[in-house]
Amino acid sequence: HSAEEKRIDPTVSVAKFARRLNAR
């Protein structure tokens, strides 16, 4: 239930995609 209890940061690889795409 961790995703319900707190915001979970993206994994390292997903965070790289987010930066590359300037994800909102």
mmCIF file of all heavy atoms, coordinates in Angstrom:
data_MODEL
# 
_entry.id   MODEL 
# 
loop_
_atom_site.group_PDB 
_atom_site.id 
_atom_site.type_symbol 
_atom_site.label_atom_id 
_atom_site.label_alt_id 
_atom_site.label_comp_id 
_atom_site.label_asym_id 
_atom_site.label_entity_id 
_atom_site.label_seq_id 
_atom_site.pdbx_PDB_ins_code 
_atom_site.Cartn_x 
_atom_site.Cartn_y 
_atom_site.Cartn_z 
_atom_site.occupancy 
_atom_site.B_iso_or_equiv 
_atom_site.pdbx_formal_charge 
_atom_site.auth_seq_id 
_atom_site.auth_comp_id 
_atom_site.auth_asym_id 
_atom_site.auth_atom_id 
_atom_site.pdbx_PDB_model_num 
ATOM 1   N N   . HIS A 1 1  ? 0.805  -1.217 0.000   1.00 0.00 ? 1  HIS A N   1 
ATOM 2   C CA  . HIS A 1 1  ? 0.000  0.000  0.000   1.00 0.00 ? 1  HIS A CA  1 
ATOM 3   C C   . HIS A 1 1  ? 0.846  1.278  0.000   1.00 0.00 ? 1  HIS A C   1 
ATOM 4   O O   . HIS A 1 1  ? 0.311  2.368  0.199   1.00 0.00 ? 1  HIS A O   1 
ATOM 5   C CB  . HIS A 1 1  ? -0.965 -0.009 1.187   1.00 0.00 ? 1  HIS A CB  1 
ATOM 6   C CG  . HIS A 1 1  ? -2.015 -1.070 1.064   1.00 0.00 ? 1  HIS A CG  1 
ATOM 7   N ND1 . HIS A 1 1  ? -3.073 -0.967 0.190   1.00 0.00 ? 1  HIS A ND1 1 
ATOM 8   C CD2 . HIS A 1 1  ? -2.138 -2.275 1.677   1.00 0.00 ? 1  HIS A CD2 1 
ATOM 9   C CE1 . HIS A 1 1  ? -3.818 -2.051 0.274   1.00 0.00 ? 1  HIS A CE1 1 
ATOM 10  N NE2 . HIS A 1 1  ? -3.278 -2.863 1.169   1.00 0.00 ? 1  HIS A NE2 1 
ATOM 11  N N   . SER A 1 2  ? 2.137  1.161  -0.247  1.00 0.00 ? 2  SER A N   1 
ATOM 12  C CA  . SER A 1 2  ? 3.015  2.333  -0.177  1.00 0.00 ? 2  SER A CA  1 
ATOM 13  C C   . SER A 1 2  ? 2.619  3.431  -1.156  1.00 0.00 ? 2  SER A C   1 
ATOM 14  O O   . SER A 1 2  ? 2.729  4.619  -0.840  1.00 0.00 ? 2  SER A O   1 
ATOM 15  C CB  . SER A 1 2  ? 4.474  1.928  -0.403  1.00 0.00 ? 2  SER A CB  1 
ATOM 16  O OG  . SER A 1 2  ? 4.639  1.329  -1.681  1.00 0.00 ? 2  SER A OG  1 
ATOM 17  N N   . ALA A 1 3  ? 2.138  3.077  -2.337  1.00 0.00 ? 3  ALA A N   1 
ATOM 18  C CA  . ALA A 1 3  ? 1.765  4.093  -3.331  1.00 0.00 ? 3  ALA A CA  1 
ATOM 19  C C   . ALA A 1 3  ? 0.528  4.876  -2.897  1.00 0.00 ? 3  ALA A C   1 
ATOM 20  O O   . ALA A 1 3  ? 0.336  6.011  -3.349  1.00 0.00 ? 3  ALA A O   1 
ATOM 21  C CB  . ALA A 1 3  ? 1.529  3.436  -4.688  1.00 0.00 ? 3  ALA A CB  1 
ATOM 22  N N   . GLU A 1 4  ? -0.283 4.303  -2.031  1.00 0.00 ? 4  GLU A N   1 
ATOM 23  C CA  . GLU A 1 4  ? -1.449 5.015  -1.500  1.00 0.00 ? 4  GLU A CA  1 
ATOM 24  C C   . GLU A 1 4  ? -1.054 5.910  -0.331  1.00 0.00 ? 4  GLU A C   1 
ATOM 25  O O   . GLU A 1 4  ? -1.679 6.938  -0.087  1.00 0.00 ? 4  GLU A O   1 
ATOM 26  C CB  . GLU A 1 4  ? -2.497 4.020  -0.998  1.00 0.00 ? 4  GLU A CB  1 
ATOM 27  C CG  . GLU A 1 4  ? -3.143 3.188  -2.068  1.00 0.00 ? 4  GLU A CG  1 
ATOM 28  C CD  . GLU A 1 4  ? -4.040 2.129  -1.446  1.00 0.00 ? 4  GLU A CD  1 
ATOM 29  O OE1 . GLU A 1 4  ? -4.962 2.505  -0.699  1.00 0.00 ? 4  GLU A OE1 1 
ATOM 30  O OE2 . GLU A 1 4  ? -3.805 0.946  -1.702  1.00 0.00 ? 4  GLU A OE2 1 
ATOM 31  N N   . GLU A 1 5  ? -0.021 5.507  0.383   1.00 0.00 ? 5  GLU A N   1 
ATOM 32  C CA  . GLU A 1 5  ? 0.365  6.193  1.611   1.00 0.00 ? 5  GLU A CA  1 
ATOM 33  C C   . GLU A 1 5  ? 1.276  7.386  1.387   1.00 0.00 ? 5  GLU A C   1 
ATOM 34  O O   . GLU A 1 5  ? 1.307  8.310  2.191   1.00 0.00 ? 5  GLU A O   1 
ATOM 35  C CB  . GLU A 1 5  ? 1.042  5.189  2.556   1.00 0.00 ? 5  GLU A CB  1 
ATOM 36  C CG  . GLU A 1 5  ? 0.095  4.077  2.976   1.00 0.00 ? 5  GLU A CG  1 
ATOM 37  C CD  . GLU A 1 5  ? 0.801  2.874  3.587   1.00 0.00 ? 5  GLU A CD  1 
ATOM 38  O OE1 . GLU A 1 5  ? 2.047  2.857  3.627   1.00 0.00 ? 5  GLU A OE1 1 
ATOM 39  O OE2 . GLU A 1 5  ? 0.092  1.949  4.014   1.00 0.00 ? 5  GLU A OE2 1 
ATOM 40  N N   . LYS A 1 6  ? 2.042  7.368  0.301   1.00 0.00 ? 6  LYS A N   1 
ATOM 41  C CA  . LYS A 1 6  ? 2.985  8.462  0.051   1.00 0.00 ? 6  LYS A CA  1 
ATOM 42  C C   . LYS A 1 6  ? 3.298  8.522  -1.437  1.00 0.00 ? 6  LYS A C   1 
ATOM 43  O O   . LYS A 1 6  ? 3.070  7.567  -2.181  1.00 0.00 ? 6  LYS A O   1 
ATOM 44  C CB  . LYS A 1 6  ? 4.274  8.251  0.844   1.00 0.00 ? 6  LYS A CB  1 
ATOM 45  C CG  . LYS A 1 6  ? 5.037  7.000  0.409   1.00 0.00 ? 6  LYS A CG  1 
ATOM 46  C CD  . LYS A 1 6  ? 6.283  6.784  1.228   1.00 0.00 ? 6  LYS A CD  1 
ATOM 47  C CE  . LYS A 1 6  ? 7.019  5.601  0.647   1.00 0.00 ? 6  LYS A CE  1 
ATOM 48  N NZ  . LYS A 1 6  ? 7.574  4.686  1.510   1.00 0.00 ? 6  LYS A NZ  1 
ATOM 49  N N   . ARG A 1 7  ? 3.829  9.661  -1.841  1.00 0.00 ? 7  ARG A N   1 
ATOM 50  C CA  . ARG A 1 7  ? 4.267  9.827  -3.227  1.00 0.00 ? 7  ARG A CA  1 
ATOM 51  C C   . ARG A 1 7  ? 5.563  9.046  -3.405  1.00 0.00 ? 7  ARG A C   1 
ATOM 52  O O   . ARG A 1 7  ? 6.493  9.176  -2.612  1.00 0.00 ? 7  ARG A O   1 
ATOM 53  C CB  . ARG A 1 7  ? 4.505  11.303 -3.521  1.00 0.00 ? 7  ARG A CB  1 
ATOM 54  C CG  . ARG A 1 7  ? 4.919  11.554 -4.947  1.00 0.00 ? 7  ARG A CG  1 
ATOM 55  C CD  . ARG A 1 7  ? 5.239  13.035 -5.177  1.00 0.00 ? 7  ARG A CD  1 
ATOM 56  N NE  . ARG A 1 7  ? 5.654  13.275 -6.519  1.00 0.00 ? 7  ARG A NE  1 
ATOM 57  C CZ  . ARG A 1 7  ? 6.873  13.010 -7.002  1.00 0.00 ? 7  ARG A CZ  1 
ATOM 58  N NH1 . ARG A 1 7  ? 7.805  12.497 -6.232  1.00 0.00 ? 7  ARG A NH1 1 
ATOM 59  N NH2 . ARG A 1 7  ? 7.165  13.257 -8.256  1.00 0.00 ? 7  ARG A NH2 1 
ATOM 60  N N   . ILE A 1 8  ? 5.613  8.230  -4.433  1.00 0.00 ? 8  ILE A N   1 
ATOM 61  C CA  . ILE A 1 8  ? 6.819  7.449  -4.720  1.00 0.00 ? 8  ILE A CA  1 
ATOM 62  C C   . ILE A 1 8  ? 7.491  8.055  -5.939  1.00 0.00 ? 8  ILE A C   1 
ATOM 63  O O   . ILE A 1 8  ? 6.867  8.195  -6.997  1.00 0.00 ? 8  ILE A O   1 
ATOM 64  C CB  . ILE A 1 8  ? 6.465  5.968  -4.970  1.00 0.00 ? 8  ILE A CB  1 
ATOM 65  C CG1 . ILE A 1 8  ? 5.828  5.368  -3.714  1.00 0.00 ? 8  ILE A CG1 1 
ATOM 66  C CG2 . ILE A 1 8  ? 7.702  5.189  -5.394  1.00 0.00 ? 8  ILE A CG2 1 
ATOM 67  C CD1 . ILE A 1 8  ? 5.352  3.940  -3.879  1.00 0.00 ? 8  ILE A CD1 1 
ATOM 68  N N   . ASP A 1 9  ? 8.740  8.428  -5.781  1.00 0.00 ? 9  ASP A N   1 
ATOM 69  C CA  . ASP A 1 9  ? 9.490  8.995  -6.895  1.00 0.00 ? 9  ASP A CA  1 
ATOM 70  C C   . ASP A 1 9  ? 9.663  7.961  -7.995  1.00 0.00 ? 9  ASP A C   1 
ATOM 71  O O   . ASP A 1 9  ? 9.693  6.756  -7.730  1.00 0.00 ? 9  ASP A O   1 
ATOM 72  C CB  . ASP A 1 9  ? 10.872 9.465  -6.424  1.00 0.00 ? 9  ASP A CB  1 
ATOM 73  C CG  . ASP A 1 9  ? 10.798 10.688 -5.520  1.00 0.00 ? 9  ASP A CG  1 
ATOM 74  O OD1 . ASP A 1 9  ? 9.865  11.500 -5.689  1.00 0.00 ? 9  ASP A OD1 1 
ATOM 75  O OD2 . ASP A 1 9  ? 11.678 10.821 -4.648  1.00 0.00 ? 9  ASP A OD2 1 
ATOM 76  N N   . PRO A 1 10 ? 9.813  8.437  -9.232  1.00 0.00 ? 10 PRO A N   1 
ATOM 77  C CA  . PRO A 1 10 ? 10.058 7.482  -10.320 1.00 0.00 ? 10 PRO A CA  1 
ATOM 78  C C   . PRO A 1 10 ? 11.401 6.793  -10.128 1.00 0.00 ? 10 PRO A C   1 
ATOM 79  O O   . PRO A 1 10 ? 12.308 7.346  -9.482  1.00 0.00 ? 10 PRO A O   1 
ATOM 80  C CB  . PRO A 1 10 ? 10.058 8.363  -11.578 1.00 0.00 ? 10 PRO A CB  1 
ATOM 81  C CG  . PRO A 1 10 ? 10.322 9.747  -11.097 1.00 0.00 ? 10 PRO A CG  1 
ATOM 82  C CD  . PRO A 1 10 ? 9.793  9.819  -9.702  1.00 0.00 ? 10 PRO A CD  1 
ATOM 83  N N   . THR A 1 11 ? 11.525 5.613  -10.683 1.00 0.00 ? 11 THR A N   1 
ATOM 84  C CA  . THR A 1 11 ? 12.813 4.923  -10.639 1.00 0.00 ? 11 THR A CA  1 
ATOM 85  C C   . THR A 1 11 ? 13.829 5.750  -11.427 1.00 0.00 ? 11 THR A C   1 
ATOM 86  O O   . THR A 1 11 ? 13.464 6.653  -12.188 1.00 0.00 ? 11 THR A O   1 
ATOM 87  C CB  . THR A 1 11 ? 12.711 3.513  -11.252 1.00 0.00 ? 11 THR A CB  1 
ATOM 88  O OG1 . THR A 1 11 ? 12.386 3.651  -12.634 1.00 0.00 ? 11 THR A OG1 1 
ATOM 89  C CG2 . THR A 1 11 ? 11.675 2.662  -10.528 1.00 0.00 ? 11 THR A CG2 1 
ATOM 90  N N   . VAL A 1 12 ? 15.086 5.445  -11.267 1.00 0.00 ? 12 VAL A N   1 
ATOM 91  C CA  . VAL A 1 12 ? 16.149 6.204  -11.936 1.00 0.00 ? 12 VAL A CA  1 
ATOM 92  C C   . VAL A 1 12 ? 15.921 6.245  -13.449 1.00 0.00 ? 12 VAL A C   1 
ATOM 93  O O   . VAL A 1 12 ? 16.005 7.302  -14.072 1.00 0.00 ? 12 VAL A O   1 
ATOM 94  C CB  . VAL A 1 12 ? 17.534 5.610  -11.592 1.00 0.00 ? 12 VAL A CB  1 
ATOM 95  C CG1 . VAL A 1 12 ? 18.624 6.264  -12.421 1.00 0.00 ? 12 VAL A CG1 1 
ATOM 96  C CG2 . VAL A 1 12 ? 17.820 5.778  -10.108 1.00 0.00 ? 12 VAL A CG2 1 
ATOM 97  N N   . SER A 1 13 ? 15.620 5.101  -14.048 1.00 0.00 ? 13 SER A N   1 
ATOM 98  C CA  . SER A 1 13 ? 15.455 5.072  -15.511 1.00 0.00 ? 13 SER A CA  1 
ATOM 99  C C   . SER A 1 13 ? 14.213 5.845  -15.954 1.00 0.00 ? 13 SER A C   1 
ATOM 100 O O   . SER A 1 13 ? 14.237 6.556  -16.966 1.00 0.00 ? 13 SER A O   1 
ATOM 101 C CB  . SER A 1 13 ? 15.404 3.631  -16.026 1.00 0.00 ? 13 SER A CB  1 
ATOM 102 O OG  . SER A 1 13 ? 14.292 2.944  -15.500 1.00 0.00 ? 13 SER A OG  1 
ATOM 103 N N   . VAL A 1 14 ? 13.113 5.744  -15.213 1.00 0.00 ? 14 VAL A N   1 
ATOM 104 C CA  . VAL A 1 14 ? 11.904 6.485  -15.567 1.00 0.00 ? 14 VAL A CA  1 
ATOM 105 C C   . VAL A 1 14 ? 12.143 7.985  -15.370 1.00 0.00 ? 14 VAL A C   1 
ATOM 106 O O   . VAL A 1 14 ? 11.690 8.804  -16.179 1.00 0.00 ? 14 VAL A O   1 
ATOM 107 C CB  . VAL A 1 14 ? 10.682 5.990  -14.774 1.00 0.00 ? 14 VAL A CB  1 
ATOM 108 C CG1 . VAL A 1 14 ? 9.449  6.827  -15.070 1.00 0.00 ? 14 VAL A CG1 1 
ATOM 109 C CG2 . VAL A 1 14 ? 10.399 4.520  -15.099 1.00 0.00 ? 14 VAL A CG2 1 
ATOM 110 N N   . ALA A 1 15 ? 12.888 8.356  -14.342 1.00 0.00 ? 15 ALA A N   1 
ATOM 111 C CA  . ALA A 1 15 ? 13.214 9.772  -14.112 1.00 0.00 ? 15 ALA A CA  1 
ATOM 112 C C   . ALA A 1 15 ? 14.028 10.329 -15.279 1.00 0.00 ? 15 ALA A C   1 
ATOM 113 O O   . ALA A 1 15 ? 13.828 11.483 -15.686 1.00 0.00 ? 15 ALA A O   1 
ATOM 114 C CB  . ALA A 1 15 ? 13.970 9.934  -12.798 1.00 0.00 ? 15 ALA A CB  1 
ATOM 115 N N   . LYS A 1 16 ? 14.916 9.531  -15.847 1.00 0.00 ? 16 LYS A N   1 
ATOM 116 C CA  . LYS A 1 16 ? 15.688 9.980  -17.015 1.00 0.00 ? 16 LYS A CA  1 
ATOM 117 C C   . LYS A 1 16 ? 14.768 10.228 -18.201 1.00 0.00 ? 16 LYS A C   1 
ATOM 118 O O   . LYS A 1 16 ? 14.909 11.227 -18.906 1.00 0.00 ? 16 LYS A O   1 
ATOM 119 C CB  . LYS A 1 16 ? 16.750 8.945  -17.390 1.00 0.00 ? 16 LYS A CB  1 
ATOM 120 C CG  . LYS A 1 16 ? 17.932 8.927  -16.471 1.00 0.00 ? 16 LYS A CG  1 
ATOM 121 C CD  . LYS A 1 16 ? 18.951 7.887  -16.917 1.00 0.00 ? 16 LYS A CD  1 
ATOM 122 C CE  . LYS A 1 16 ? 20.066 7.762  -15.909 1.00 0.00 ? 16 LYS A CE  1 
ATOM 123 N NZ  . LYS A 1 16 ? 21.025 6.712  -16.264 1.00 0.00 ? 16 LYS A NZ  1 
ATOM 124 N N   . PHE A 1 17 ? 13.818 9.317  -18.427 1.00 0.00 ? 17 PHE A N   1 
ATOM 125 C CA  . PHE A 1 17 ? 12.845 9.524  -19.508 1.00 0.00 ? 17 PHE A CA  1 
ATOM 126 C C   . PHE A 1 17 ? 12.043 10.800 -19.254 1.00 0.00 ? 17 PHE A C   1 
ATOM 127 O O   . PHE A 1 17 ? 11.793 11.582 -20.167 1.00 0.00 ? 17 PHE A O   1 
ATOM 128 C CB  . PHE A 1 17 ? 11.895 8.336  -19.646 1.00 0.00 ? 17 PHE A CB  1 
ATOM 129 C CG  . PHE A 1 17 ? 12.516 7.108  -20.236 1.00 0.00 ? 17 PHE A CG  1 
ATOM 130 C CD1 . PHE A 1 17 ? 12.342 5.879  -19.625 1.00 0.00 ? 17 PHE A CD1 1 
ATOM 131 C CD2 . PHE A 1 17 ? 13.269 7.162  -21.403 1.00 0.00 ? 17 PHE A CD2 1 
ATOM 132 C CE1 . PHE A 1 17 ? 12.896 4.726  -20.173 1.00 0.00 ? 17 PHE A CE1 1 
ATOM 133 C CE2 . PHE A 1 17 ? 13.821 6.011  -21.957 1.00 0.00 ? 17 PHE A CE2 1 
ATOM 134 C CZ  . PHE A 1 17 ? 13.641 4.797  -21.339 1.00 0.00 ? 17 PHE A CZ  1 
ATOM 135 N N   . ALA A 1 18 ? 11.626 11.004 -18.017 1.00 0.00 ? 18 ALA A N   1 
ATOM 136 C CA  . ALA A 1 18 ? 10.826 12.186 -17.669 1.00 0.00 ? 18 ALA A CA  1 
ATOM 137 C C   . ALA A 1 18 ? 11.603 13.469 -17.972 1.00 0.00 ? 18 ALA A C   1 
ATOM 138 O O   . ALA A 1 18 ? 11.041 14.417 -18.542 1.00 0.00 ? 18 ALA A O   1 
ATOM 139 C CB  . ALA A 1 18 ? 10.410 12.132 -16.201 1.00 0.00 ? 18 ALA A CB  1 
ATOM 140 N N   . ARG A 1 19 ? 12.876 13.487 -17.612 1.00 0.00 ? 19 ARG A N   1 
ATOM 141 C CA  . ARG A 1 19 ? 13.697 14.678 -17.902 1.00 0.00 ? 19 ARG A CA  1 
ATOM 142 C C   . ARG A 1 19 ? 13.874 14.868 -19.402 1.00 0.00 ? 19 ARG A C   1 
ATOM 143 O O   . ARG A 1 19 ? 13.763 15.980 -19.916 1.00 0.00 ? 19 ARG A O   1 
ATOM 144 C CB  . ARG A 1 19 ? 15.060 14.562 -17.218 1.00 0.00 ? 19 ARG A CB  1 
ATOM 145 C CG  . ARG A 1 19 ? 15.014 14.845 -15.728 1.00 0.00 ? 19 ARG A CG  1 
ATOM 146 C CD  . ARG A 1 19 ? 16.391 14.989 -15.133 1.00 0.00 ? 19 ARG A CD  1 
ATOM 147 N NE  . ARG A 1 19 ? 17.230 13.811 -15.294 1.00 0.00 ? 19 ARG A NE  1 
ATOM 148 C CZ  . ARG A 1 19 ? 17.206 12.740 -14.503 1.00 0.00 ? 19 ARG A CZ  1 
ATOM 149 N NH1 . ARG A 1 19 ? 16.370 12.711 -13.477 1.00 0.00 ? 19 ARG A NH1 1 
ATOM 150 N NH2 . ARG A 1 19 ? 18.001 11.715 -14.717 1.00 0.00 ? 19 ARG A NH2 1 
ATOM 151 N N   . ARG A 1 20 ? 14.152 13.793 -20.119 1.00 0.00 ? 20 ARG A N   1 
ATOM 152 C CA  . ARG A 1 20 ? 14.377 13.861 -21.559 1.00 0.00 ? 20 ARG A CA  1 
ATOM 153 C C   . ARG A 1 20 ? 13.137 14.391 -22.293 1.00 0.00 ? 20 ARG A C   1 
ATOM 154 O O   . ARG A 1 20 ? 13.257 15.128 -23.261 1.00 0.00 ? 20 ARG A O   1 
ATOM 155 C CB  . ARG A 1 20 ? 14.754 12.477 -22.089 1.00 0.00 ? 20 ARG A CB  1 
ATOM 156 C CG  . ARG A 1 20 ? 15.204 12.469 -23.537 1.00 0.00 ? 20 ARG A CG  1 
ATOM 157 C CD  . ARG A 1 20 ? 15.671 11.108 -23.981 1.00 0.00 ? 20 ARG A CD  1 
ATOM 158 N NE  . ARG A 1 20 ? 16.668 10.556 -23.076 1.00 0.00 ? 20 ARG A NE  1 
ATOM 159 C CZ  . ARG A 1 20 ? 16.830 9.251  -22.855 1.00 0.00 ? 20 ARG A CZ  1 
ATOM 160 N NH1 . ARG A 1 20 ? 16.089 8.361  -23.482 1.00 0.00 ? 20 ARG A NH1 1 
ATOM 161 N NH2 . ARG A 1 20 ? 17.755 8.831  -22.020 1.00 0.00 ? 20 ARG A NH2 1 
ATOM 162 N N   . LEU A 1 21 ? 11.962 14.018 -21.817 1.00 0.00 ? 21 LEU A N   1 
ATOM 163 C CA  . LEU A 1 21 ? 10.716 14.415 -22.470 1.00 0.00 ? 21 LEU A CA  1 
ATOM 164 C C   . LEU A 1 21 ? 10.121 15.696 -21.892 1.00 0.00 ? 21 LEU A C   1 
ATOM 165 O O   . LEU A 1 21 ? 9.105  16.176 -22.383 1.00 0.00 ? 21 LEU A O   1 
ATOM 166 C CB  . LEU A 1 21 ? 9.677  13.298 -22.342 1.00 0.00 ? 21 LEU A CB  1 
ATOM 167 C CG  . LEU A 1 21 ? 10.049 11.960 -22.944 1.00 0.00 ? 21 LEU A CG  1 
ATOM 168 C CD1 . LEU A 1 21 ? 9.002  10.922 -22.595 1.00 0.00 ? 21 LEU A CD1 1 
ATOM 169 C CD2 . LEU A 1 21 ? 10.238 12.081 -24.442 1.00 0.00 ? 21 LEU A CD2 1 
ATOM 170 N N   . ASN A 1 22 ? 10.764 16.205 -20.845 1.00 0.00 ? 22 ASN A N   1 
ATOM 171 C CA  . ASN A 1 22 ? 10.210 17.344 -20.120 1.00 0.00 ? 22 ASN A CA  1 
ATOM 172 C C   . ASN A 1 22 ? 8.774  17.030 -19.679 1.00 0.00 ? 22 ASN A C   1 
ATOM 173 O O   . ASN A 1 22 ? 7.846  17.828 -19.856 1.00 0.00 ? 22 ASN A O   1 
ATOM 174 C CB  . ASN A 1 22 ? 10.256 18.621 -20.963 1.00 0.00 ? 22 ASN A CB  1 
ATOM 175 C CG  . ASN A 1 22 ? 10.082 19.863 -20.123 1.00 0.00 ? 22 ASN A CG  1 
ATOM 176 O OD1 . ASN A 1 22 ? 10.375 19.867 -18.930 1.00 0.00 ? 22 ASN A OD1 1 
ATOM 177 N ND2 . ASN A 1 22 ? 9.576  20.920 -20.728 1.00 0.00 ? 22 ASN A ND2 1 
ATOM 178 N N   . ALA A 1 23 ? 8.610  15.829 -19.129 1.00 0.00 ? 23 ALA A N   1 
ATOM 179 C CA  . ALA A 1 23 ? 7.284  15.365 -18.694 1.00 0.00 ? 23 ALA A CA  1 
ATOM 180 C C   . ALA A 1 23 ? 6.710  16.310 -17.650 1.00 0.00 ? 23 ALA A C   1 
ATOM 181 O O   . ALA A 1 23 ? 7.425  16.832 -16.796 1.00 0.00 ? 23 ALA A O   1 
ATOM 182 C CB  . ALA A 1 23 ? 7.384  13.958 -18.128 1.00 0.00 ? 23 ALA A CB  1 
ATOM 183 N N   . ARG A 1 24 ? 5.416  16.510 -17.736 1.00 0.00 ? 24 ARG A N   1 
ATOM 184 C CA  . ARG A 1 24 ? 4.726  17.412 -16.816 1.00 0.00 ? 24 ARG A CA  1 
ATOM 185 C C   . ARG A 1 24 ? 4.396  16.756 -15.489 1.00 0.00 ? 24 ARG A C   1 
ATOM 186 O O   . ARG A 1 24 ? 3.986  17.437 -14.554 1.00 0.00 ? 24 ARG A O   1 
ATOM 187 C CB  . ARG A 1 24 ? 3.463  17.932 -17.469 1.00 0.00 ? 24 ARG A CB  1 
ATOM 188 C CG  . ARG A 1 24 ? 3.787  18.775 -18.671 1.00 0.00 ? 24 ARG A CG  1 
ATOM 189 C CD  . ARG A 1 24 ? 2.577  19.450 -19.201 1.00 0.00 ? 24 ARG A CD  1 
ATOM 190 N NE  . ARG A 1 24 ? 2.940  20.272 -20.337 1.00 0.00 ? 24 ARG A NE  1 
ATOM 191 C CZ  . ARG A 1 24 ? 2.159  21.205 -20.826 1.00 0.00 ? 24 ARG A CZ  1 
ATOM 192 N NH1 . ARG A 1 24 ? 0.987  21.421 -20.285 1.00 0.00 ? 24 ARG A NH1 1 
ATOM 193 N NH2 . ARG A 1 24 ? 2.545  21.906 -21.869 1.00 0.00 ? 24 ARG A NH2 1 
# 
